[in-house]
Amino acid sequence: MLDKLGYLPFAVSGGILLFHLISPLYEKTSLTLTANLSFGE
């Protein structure tokens, strides 16, 4: 579970690193991502 992803903005390099962390796990395990932002934000 990755929590509070929307708490602070990501730099582009941080987003790329997060993608490289999540993409190999996508088909192998369950993932939960949360953020404290509403859908409009």
N, C-alpha and C. Protein backbone atom coordinates (compact mmCIF):
# COMPACT_ATOMS: atom_id res chain seq x y z
N MET A 1 0.84 -1.17 0.00
CA MET A 1 0.00 0.00 0.00
C MET A 1 0.89 1.24 0.00
N LEU A 2 0.63 2.13 -0.92
CA LEU A 2 1.32 3.41 -0.97
C LEU A 2 0.30 4.47 -0.56
N ASP A 3 0.55 5.16 0.53
CA ASP A 3 -0.42 6.10 1.09
C ASP A 3 0.09 7.53 0.97
N LYS A 4 -0.83 8.45 0.85
CA LYS A 4 -0.57 9.89 0.84
C LYS A 4 0.30 10.33 -0.34
N LEU A 5 0.05 9.75 -1.50
CA LEU A 5 0.85 10.12 -2.68
C LEU A 5 0.59 11.55 -3.14
N GLY A 6 -0.56 12.09 -2.84
CA GLY A 6 -0.85 13.45 -3.27
C GLY A 6 -0.48 14.51 -2.25
N TYR A 7 0.17 14.11 -1.16
CA TYR A 7 0.49 15.06 -0.09
C TYR A 7 1.48 16.12 -0.54
N LEU A 8 2.52 15.71 -1.24
CA LEU A 8 3.51 16.65 -1.78
C LEU A 8 3.66 16.39 -3.28
N PRO A 9 3.90 17.44 -4.05
CA PRO A 9 4.06 17.23 -5.50
C PRO A 9 5.34 16.44 -5.81
N PHE A 10 5.26 15.66 -6.90
CA PHE A 10 6.40 14.88 -7.36
C PHE A 10 7.17 15.67 -8.41
N ALA A 11 8.48 15.55 -8.38
CA ALA A 11 9.29 16.01 -9.50
C ALA A 11 9.12 14.98 -10.62
N VAL A 12 9.44 15.35 -11.83
CA VAL A 12 9.33 14.41 -12.96
C VAL A 12 10.15 13.15 -12.68
N SER A 13 11.34 13.31 -12.17
CA SER A 13 12.20 12.15 -11.89
C SER A 13 11.56 11.25 -10.83
N GLY A 14 10.88 11.83 -9.85
CA GLY A 14 10.19 11.04 -8.83
C GLY A 14 9.05 10.23 -9.42
N GLY A 15 8.31 10.83 -10.36
CA GLY A 15 7.23 10.11 -11.04
C GLY A 15 7.75 8.95 -11.85
N ILE A 16 8.88 9.15 -12.50
CA ILE A 16 9.50 8.08 -13.30
C ILE A 16 9.95 6.94 -12.38
N LEU A 17 10.56 7.28 -11.25
CA LEU A 17 10.98 6.25 -10.31
C LEU A 17 9.78 5.48 -9.75
N LEU A 18 8.70 6.19 -9.45
CA LEU A 18 7.49 5.53 -8.96
C LEU A 18 6.94 4.58 -10.02
N PHE A 19 6.92 5.02 -11.27
CA PHE A 19 6.46 4.15 -12.36
C PHE A 19 7.31 2.89 -12.45
N HIS A 20 8.63 3.03 -12.33
CA HIS A 20 9.52 1.87 -12.42
C HIS A 20 9.37 0.95 -11.20
N LEU A 21 8.90 1.48 -10.09
CA LEU A 21 8.61 0.64 -8.93
C LEU A 21 7.32 -0.14 -9.13
N ILE A 22 6.29 0.52 -9.64
CA ILE A 22 4.96 -0.08 -9.75
C ILE A 22 4.83 -1.00 -10.96
N SER A 23 5.40 -0.65 -12.09
CA SER A 23 5.15 -1.41 -13.31
C SER A 23 5.53 -2.89 -13.23
N PRO A 24 6.65 -3.29 -12.61
CA PRO A 24 6.91 -4.73 -12.53
C PRO A 24 5.96 -5.46 -11.57
N LEU A 25 5.40 -4.73 -10.61
CA LEU A 25 4.50 -5.35 -9.64
C LEU A 25 3.07 -5.46 -10.16
N TYR A 26 2.74 -4.71 -11.19
CA TYR A 26 1.37 -4.57 -11.67
C TYR A 26 0.67 -5.90 -11.94
N GLU A 27 1.36 -6.82 -12.59
CA GLU A 27 0.75 -8.11 -12.94
C GLU A 27 1.05 -9.20 -11.93
N LYS A 28 1.79 -8.89 -10.86
CA LYS A 28 2.21 -9.93 -9.93
C LYS A 28 1.54 -9.83 -8.56
N THR A 29 1.06 -8.67 -8.18
CA THR A 29 0.54 -8.49 -6.83
C THR A 29 -0.55 -7.42 -6.82
N SER A 30 -1.22 -7.31 -5.70
CA SER A 30 -2.23 -6.26 -5.53
C SER A 30 -1.56 -4.99 -5.06
N LEU A 31 -2.04 -3.86 -5.54
CA LEU A 31 -1.51 -2.55 -5.14
C LEU A 31 -2.66 -1.65 -4.72
N THR A 32 -2.44 -0.87 -3.69
CA THR A 32 -3.39 0.14 -3.28
C THR A 32 -2.65 1.46 -3.22
N LEU A 33 -3.13 2.44 -3.95
CA LEU A 33 -2.56 3.78 -3.96
C LEU A 33 -3.60 4.73 -3.41
N THR A 34 -3.20 5.60 -2.48
CA THR A 34 -4.15 6.55 -1.93
C THR A 34 -3.59 7.95 -1.97
N ALA A 35 -4.48 8.91 -1.95
CA ALA A 35 -4.10 10.33 -1.90
C ALA A 35 -5.19 11.06 -1.11
N ASN A 36 -4.82 12.16 -0.50
CA ASN A 36 -5.77 12.94 0.26
C ASN A 36 -6.40 14.04 -0.58
N LEU A 37 -6.53 13.83 -1.86
CA LEU A 37 -7.11 14.83 -2.76
C LEU A 37 -8.46 14.33 -3.25
N SER A 38 -9.37 15.26 -3.46
CA SER A 38 -10.65 14.88 -4.05
C SER A 38 -10.44 14.67 -5.54
N PHE A 39 -11.46 14.10 -6.22
CA PHE A 39 -11.33 13.84 -7.65
C PHE A 39 -11.14 15.11 -8.46
N GLY A 40 -11.66 16.21 -7.99
CA GLY A 40 -11.51 17.49 -8.70
C GLY A 40 -10.11 18.07 -8.61
N GLU A 41 -9.33 17.62 -7.65
CA GLU A 41 -7.98 18.15 -7.47
C GLU A 41 -6.99 17.27 -8.18
